[in-house]
Amino acid sequence: MNHDLYKALLNSQYLSTKELLRISSKKILIIGAGGICHPFITYACSSGFKEFTIVDNDVIEESNLSRQYLFSRADLGKNKVNVLNQRLNQTYPNLKIDAVCMRADEKFLFDAAQEHDFIIDCSDNFLTRYQISDVSKELKIPLIMGFGGKDQGQVFFTSNQSSSPCYECIFPRDDFQESEISCQTAGIVPLLLGMVGSYMNMILLNYTLRKIEPKFLTVFNLGDNGVRQISVNQDPNCTNCFKK
């Protein structure tokens, strides 16, 4: 590992060289290469994480550029995951990125998740989020989810142990699964995506190093400059946590 790349991080004394090596061995599955993925993977790489699978079937459009800052006009029409792979390797040449250009379905998620230590949900629709939640719960793989719309961003983490809440405990699928709301349709203030992605990386780093597990939904609200943390417990009516 090139320690010069991480000199400032090591000088902070937040982690040791040994811990940096431990971080570099973790395998991260990222679903979605849009506006939340960009700040997340930028700071994940700068924190020492090296092995990623990024899954997305989208190509780059002009409307993406204001919030997906690792892309440029020269990339229009190209696959997002391939451009991310190329761009990140220019700065971090020792990265191991598997760029998967497809829309993740439940079978793919189940197979791919078993080869990773964490799942990072940067997707932009409810159906995919429920599939990710189901798979991560079944396989007991830690899951970090980020989402945003209009003037609000949210982050949720679950270690997916037996007593851990899941995404459906907060957002019952009968109420949300058919919704077609996305950043594109609902609109989003781009800076919120930066806050969400950065906070997701902070959770990843702290859980990897110290098993610090936030037991709440974190909400960023641009309207009042507010950050709220809402305590989350398992919902006894959740069909994902309490399957019959």
Protein backbone atom coordinates (compact mmCIF):
# COMPACT_ATOMS: atom_id res chain seq x y z
CA MET A 1 0.00 0.00 0.00
CA ASN A 2 1.25 3.49 -0.92
CA HIS A 3 1.28 5.22 2.48
CA ASP A 4 2.00 8.62 0.91
CA LEU A 5 -1.59 8.66 -0.37
CA TYR A 6 -2.83 8.29 3.20
CA LYS A 7 -0.24 10.46 4.96
CA ALA A 8 -2.75 13.03 6.21
CA LEU A 9 -5.08 10.27 7.42
CA LEU A 10 -2.31 8.52 9.34
CA ASN A 11 -1.03 11.83 10.77
CA SER A 12 -4.50 12.43 12.23
CA GLN A 13 -3.79 9.45 14.55
CA TYR A 14 -7.42 8.37 14.13
CA LEU A 15 -6.13 5.04 12.92
CA SER A 16 -2.84 3.17 12.78
CA THR A 17 -0.98 1.66 9.84
CA LYS A 18 -2.19 -1.75 10.99
CA GLU A 19 -5.80 -0.54 11.00
CA LEU A 20 -5.33 0.98 7.55
CA LEU A 21 -4.25 -2.41 6.26
CA ARG A 22 -7.33 -3.99 7.88
CA ILE A 23 -9.56 -1.44 6.15
CA SER A 24 -7.94 -2.17 2.80
CA SER A 25 -8.94 -5.84 3.04
CA LYS A 26 -12.70 -5.15 3.29
CA LYS A 27 -14.87 -5.80 0.25
CA ILE A 28 -17.63 -3.29 -0.42
CA LEU A 29 -20.69 -3.89 -2.64
CA ILE A 30 -22.18 -0.60 -3.89
CA ILE A 31 -25.56 -0.53 -5.58
CA GLY A 32 -26.04 2.63 -7.63
CA ALA A 33 -23.44 4.93 -9.19
CA GLY A 34 -25.36 8.20 -8.86
CA GLY A 35 -25.18 11.27 -6.66
CA ILE A 36 -24.76 9.50 -3.31
CA CYS A 37 -22.17 7.06 -4.61
CA HIS A 38 -19.78 9.85 -5.65
CA PRO A 39 -19.08 11.37 -2.21
CA PHE A 40 -19.29 7.97 -0.57
CA ILE A 41 -16.71 6.26 -2.75
CA THR A 42 -14.49 9.35 -2.89
CA TYR A 43 -14.06 9.31 0.88
CA ALA A 44 -14.08 5.53 1.15
CA CYS A 45 -11.04 5.45 -1.13
CA SER A 46 -9.34 8.25 0.79
CA SER A 47 -10.01 6.33 4.03
CA GLY A 48 -8.12 3.29 2.74
CA PHE A 49 -10.85 1.00 1.39
CA LYS A 50 -9.63 -0.62 -1.81
CA GLU A 51 -11.99 -3.37 -2.98
CA PHE A 52 -15.34 -2.41 -4.49
CA THR A 53 -18.03 -3.84 -6.69
CA ILE A 54 -20.14 -1.05 -8.22
CA VAL A 55 -23.43 -2.01 -9.87
CA ASP A 56 -25.47 0.28 -12.13
CA ASN A 57 -26.90 0.01 -15.64
CA ASP A 58 -27.24 3.74 -16.33
CA VAL A 59 -25.32 5.85 -18.82
CA ILE A 60 -24.19 9.40 -18.03
CA GLU A 61 -26.59 12.20 -19.00
CA GLU A 62 -26.12 15.95 -18.84
CA SER A 63 -28.64 16.24 -16.01
CA ASN A 64 -26.36 14.02 -13.84
CA LEU A 65 -23.35 16.33 -13.94
CA SER A 66 -24.44 18.83 -11.27
CA ARG A 67 -24.51 16.17 -8.56
CA GLN A 68 -22.33 13.32 -9.90
CA TYR A 69 -19.07 15.25 -9.88
CA LEU A 70 -16.69 12.45 -10.88
CA PHE A 71 -18.22 12.67 -14.38
CA SER A 72 -17.58 15.33 -17.02
CA ARG A 73 -19.14 16.35 -20.34
CA ALA A 74 -16.61 14.16 -22.11
CA ASP A 75 -18.28 11.16 -20.41
CA LEU A 76 -21.81 11.74 -21.72
CA GLY A 77 -23.33 8.52 -23.05
CA LYS A 78 -20.80 6.28 -21.32
CA ASN A 79 -21.62 3.67 -18.67
CA LYS A 80 -21.39 5.18 -15.20
CA VAL A 81 -19.63 2.24 -13.57
CA ASN A 82 -16.90 2.09 -16.21
CA VAL A 83 -16.15 5.80 -15.93
CA LEU A 84 -16.02 5.60 -12.13
CA ASN A 85 -13.60 2.70 -12.35
CA GLN A 86 -11.32 4.62 -14.69
CA ARG A 87 -11.53 7.94 -12.81
CA LEU A 88 -10.86 6.50 -9.35
CA ASN A 89 -7.94 4.41 -10.53
CA GLN A 90 -6.25 7.55 -11.80
CA THR A 91 -5.87 8.69 -8.19
CA TYR A 92 -5.75 5.34 -6.41
CA PRO A 93 -3.91 2.93 -8.75
CA ASN A 94 -4.09 0.01 -6.31
CA LEU A 95 -7.88 -0.13 -6.25
CA LYS A 96 -9.69 -3.32 -7.15
CA ILE A 97 -12.99 -2.29 -8.72
CA ASP A 98 -15.41 -4.68 -10.36
CA ALA A 99 -17.63 -2.47 -12.53
CA VAL A 100 -20.90 -4.30 -13.21
CA CYS A 101 -23.10 -2.67 -15.83
CA MET A 102 -26.52 -4.11 -15.03
CA ARG A 103 -29.61 -3.38 -12.97
CA ALA A 104 -29.23 -5.34 -9.75
CA ASP A 105 -32.00 -7.89 -9.20
CA GLU A 106 -32.57 -10.08 -6.17
CA LYS A 107 -30.69 -13.11 -7.55
CA PHE A 108 -27.64 -11.02 -8.42
CA LEU A 109 -27.73 -9.32 -5.01
CA PHE A 110 -27.92 -12.64 -3.19
CA ASP A 111 -24.99 -14.13 -5.10
CA ALA A 112 -22.79 -11.03 -5.04
CA ALA A 113 -23.43 -10.07 -1.41
CA GLN A 114 -21.95 -13.31 -0.11
CA GLU A 115 -18.54 -12.23 -1.41
CA HIS A 116 -18.57 -8.86 0.38
CA ASP A 117 -18.22 -7.51 3.91
CA PHE A 118 -20.61 -4.56 3.52
CA ILE A 119 -23.48 -3.54 1.26
CA ILE A 120 -23.84 0.15 0.44
CA ASP A 121 -27.23 1.16 -0.94
CA CYS A 122 -26.94 4.21 -3.18
CA SER A 123 -29.92 3.19 -5.29
CA ASP A 124 -32.72 5.51 -6.28
CA ASN A 125 -35.92 3.48 -6.07
CA PHE A 126 -37.92 1.71 -3.38
CA LEU A 127 -38.10 -1.71 -5.05
CA THR A 128 -34.31 -2.05 -5.18
CA ARG A 129 -33.99 -0.88 -1.58
CA TYR A 130 -36.39 -3.56 -0.36
CA GLN A 131 -34.52 -6.22 -2.31
CA ILE A 132 -31.20 -5.05 -0.84
CA SER A 133 -32.70 -5.02 2.64
CA ASP A 134 -34.13 -8.53 2.24
CA VAL A 135 -30.84 -10.00 1.01
CA SER A 136 -28.65 -8.28 3.58
CA LYS A 137 -30.98 -9.38 6.38
CA GLU A 138 -31.00 -12.99 5.22
CA LEU A 139 -27.22 -13.10 4.88
CA LYS A 140 -26.58 -10.99 8.02
CA ILE A 141 -24.32 -8.58 6.14
CA PRO A 142 -24.02 -5.00 7.48
CA LEU A 143 -25.95 -2.53 5.33
CA ILE A 144 -25.60 1.25 4.99
CA MET A 145 -28.40 2.99 3.09
CA GLY A 146 -28.52 6.57 1.86
CA PHE A 147 -31.38 8.35 0.15
CA GLY A 148 -32.47 11.90 -0.59
CA GLY A 149 -35.24 13.91 -2.17
CA LYS A 150 -36.20 17.58 -2.40
CA ASP A 151 -34.52 19.27 0.61
CA GLN A 152 -33.93 16.22 2.82
CA GLY A 153 -31.40 13.41 3.03
CA GLN A 154 -31.47 10.27 5.17
CA VAL A 155 -28.97 7.62 6.26
CA PHE A 156 -29.76 4.28 7.89
CA PHE A 157 -27.38 1.57 9.13
CA THR A 158 -28.10 -1.96 10.30
CA SER A 159 -25.63 -4.65 11.28
CA ASN A 160 -28.38 -7.17 10.45
CA GLN A 161 -27.99 -9.20 13.59
CA SER A 162 -31.06 -11.02 14.91
CA SER A 163 -32.24 -8.06 16.99
CA SER A 164 -31.37 -5.36 14.41
CA PRO A 165 -34.11 -3.36 12.70
CA CYS A 166 -34.29 -3.33 8.91
CA TYR A 167 -35.35 -0.83 6.28
CA GLU A 168 -38.90 -2.19 6.28
CA CYS A 169 -39.21 -1.50 10.01
CA ILE A 170 -39.07 2.21 9.09
CA PHE A 171 -40.72 2.17 5.67
CA PRO A 172 -43.27 -0.68 5.38
CA ARG A 173 -43.18 -1.98 1.83
CA ASP A 174 -46.96 -2.01 1.43
CA ASP A 175 -46.83 1.79 1.76
CA PHE A 176 -43.82 2.54 -0.44
CA GLN A 177 -42.88 -0.34 -2.77
CA GLU A 178 -44.96 0.88 -5.72
CA SER A 179 -43.70 4.46 -5.44
CA GLU A 180 -41.68 5.73 -8.41
CA ILE A 181 -40.13 8.66 -6.53
CA SER A 182 -36.45 9.24 -7.34
CA CYS A 183 -33.98 12.13 -7.22
CA GLN A 184 -34.78 12.80 -10.85
CA THR A 185 -38.56 12.91 -10.39
CA ALA A 186 -38.75 14.49 -6.92
CA GLY A 187 -35.76 16.77 -7.36
CA ILE A 188 -32.87 17.15 -4.94
CA VAL A 189 -30.59 19.89 -3.63
CA PRO A 190 -27.21 18.38 -4.63
CA LEU A 191 -25.29 19.38 -1.50
CA LEU A 192 -27.50 17.03 0.53
CA LEU A 193 -26.14 14.09 -1.43
CA GLY A 194 -22.64 15.12 -0.38
CA MET A 195 -23.71 15.12 3.27
CA VAL A 196 -25.42 11.75 2.95
CA GLY A 197 -22.54 10.06 1.14
CA SER A 198 -19.93 11.46 3.53
CA TYR A 199 -21.91 10.38 6.58
CA MET A 200 -22.32 6.88 5.16
CA ASN A 201 -18.56 6.64 4.86
CA MET A 202 -18.14 7.81 8.47
CA ILE A 203 -20.40 4.96 9.60
CA LEU A 204 -18.46 2.48 7.46
CA LEU A 205 -15.14 3.62 8.89
CA ASN A 206 -16.26 3.61 12.52
CA TYR A 207 -18.00 0.26 12.29
CA THR A 208 -14.99 -1.32 10.59
CA LEU A 209 -12.54 -0.01 13.18
CA ARG A 210 -14.56 0.07 16.40
CA LYS A 211 -17.90 -1.69 15.80
CA ILE A 212 -19.72 1.57 16.57
CA GLU A 213 -23.31 0.88 15.56
CA PRO A 214 -25.69 3.85 15.26
CA LYS A 215 -29.18 2.71 16.19
CA PHE A 216 -31.10 5.48 14.50
CA LEU A 217 -32.18 7.01 11.22
CA THR A 218 -30.21 10.21 10.57
CA VAL A 219 -32.12 12.95 8.76
CA PHE A 220 -30.50 16.02 7.16
CA ASN A 221 -32.98 18.85 6.62
CA LEU A 222 -31.81 21.77 4.51
CA GLY A 223 -34.83 23.92 5.39
CA ASP A 224 -33.77 24.49 9.00
CA ASN A 225 -30.09 23.50 8.81
CA GLY A 226 -31.11 20.60 11.03
CA VAL A 227 -29.76 17.14 11.68
CA ARG A 228 -32.08 14.75 13.52
CA GLN A 229 -31.40 11.25 14.76
CA ILE A 230 -34.53 9.14 15.15
CA SER A 231 -34.24 6.03 17.29
CA VAL A 232 -35.16 2.87 15.37
CA ASN A 233 -36.17 -0.50 16.81
CA GLN A 234 -37.51 -3.64 15.22
CA ASP A 235 -41.16 -3.39 14.26
CA PRO A 236 -43.01 -6.49 15.53
CA ASN A 237 -45.18 -6.27 12.40
CA CYS A 238 -42.20 -6.29 10.03
CA THR A 239 -42.49 -9.24 7.66
CA ASN A 240 -38.77 -9.10 6.89
CA CYS A 241 -37.59 -9.36 10.52
CA PHE A 242 -40.32 -11.78 11.61
CA LYS A 243 -40.95 -14.09 8.70
CA LYS A 244 -43.70 -16.65 9.30
